[in-house]
């Protein structure tokens, strides 16, 4: 289903990453959240292709799509 995303317990502790790099999907999301543009990311990480970057973002979106968020309040 995802051509560029891989998992390996020996690489990044099993976190999903872009195949052929050591860039985790989490790290890519952190870059985007910090304000980095697509072009900024591709310039800073030339081992990352545009297609792989897009797929990492799609993977992240799909991963959280079915999450259920609970509003848990700590007791006194």
Protein backbone atom coordinates (compact mmCIF):
# COMPACT_ATOMS: atom_id res chain seq x y z
CA UNK A 1 0.00 0.00 0.00
CA UNK A 2 2.81 2.42 0.89
CA UNK A 3 5.74 2.16 -1.46
CA UNK A 4 8.15 4.46 0.39
CA UNK A 5 7.29 3.77 4.04
CA UNK A 6 8.99 0.96 5.89
CA UNK A 7 9.26 -0.49 9.40
CA UNK A 8 12.19 -2.34 10.90
CA UNK A 9 12.75 -2.93 14.61
CA UNK A 10 16.48 -2.44 13.99
CA UNK A 11 15.99 1.02 12.48
CA UNK A 12 14.72 3.92 14.59
CA UNK A 13 13.29 1.53 17.12
CA UNK A 14 10.68 0.28 14.67
CA UNK A 15 9.15 3.69 13.92
CA UNK A 16 7.82 4.12 10.39
CA UNK A 17 10.44 5.78 8.20
CA UNK A 18 11.04 6.65 4.58
CA UNK A 19 12.72 3.68 2.88
CA UNK A 20 16.33 4.39 1.93
CA UNK A 21 16.68 7.08 4.60
CA UNK A 22 16.72 7.29 8.35
CA UNK A 23 13.99 9.93 8.32
CA UNK A 24 11.02 8.92 10.41
CA UNK A 25 7.48 9.91 9.53
CA UNK A 26 7.36 11.50 12.98
CA UNK A 27 10.39 13.68 12.19
CA UNK A 28 8.87 14.80 8.90
CA UNK A 29 5.68 15.80 10.71
CA UNK A 30 7.72 17.75 13.24
CA UNK A 31 9.38 19.65 10.39
CA UNK A 32 6.00 20.52 8.89
CA UNK A 33 4.59 21.49 12.29
CA UNK A 34 7.54 23.82 12.85
CA UNK A 35 6.71 25.68 9.64
CA UNK A 36 9.03 24.01 7.13
CA UNK A 37 7.68 24.00 3.60
CA UNK A 38 7.86 21.09 1.19
CA UNK A 39 10.73 22.83 -0.61
CA UNK A 40 12.56 23.53 2.68
CA UNK A 41 12.40 19.85 3.60
CA UNK A 42 13.51 18.62 0.18
CA UNK A 43 16.45 21.05 0.14
CA UNK A 44 17.56 20.11 3.65
CA UNK A 45 17.22 16.35 3.05
CA UNK A 46 18.24 15.63 -0.56
CA UNK A 47 17.92 11.88 0.04
CA UNK A 48 14.15 12.46 0.31
CA UNK A 49 12.12 12.61 -2.91
CA UNK A 50 8.97 14.62 -3.38
CA UNK A 51 6.92 11.46 -3.78
CA UNK A 52 8.35 9.94 -0.62
CA UNK A 53 7.61 13.13 1.32
CA UNK A 54 4.00 13.17 0.10
CA UNK A 55 3.59 9.52 0.99
CA UNK A 56 4.98 10.09 4.49
CA UNK A 57 2.36 12.78 5.05
CA UNK A 58 -0.39 10.55 3.65
CA UNK A 59 0.77 7.72 5.90
CA UNK A 60 0.61 10.00 8.94
CA UNK A 61 -2.87 11.22 8.00
CA UNK A 62 -4.13 7.69 7.58
CA UNK A 63 -2.51 6.58 10.84
CA UNK A 64 -4.44 9.15 12.87
CA UNK A 65 -7.65 8.94 10.86
CA UNK A 66 -9.20 6.23 12.99
CA UNK A 67 -7.75 7.21 16.34
CA UNK A 68 -10.16 7.85 19.16
CA UNK A 69 -9.20 10.72 21.43
CA UNK A 70 -10.30 10.52 25.03
CA UNK A 71 -10.64 13.51 27.32
CA UNK A 72 -9.28 12.04 30.53
CA UNK A 73 -9.07 14.17 33.62
CA UNK A 74 -6.81 13.16 36.51
CA UNK A 75 -8.56 12.62 39.81
CA UNK A 76 -7.73 14.71 42.85
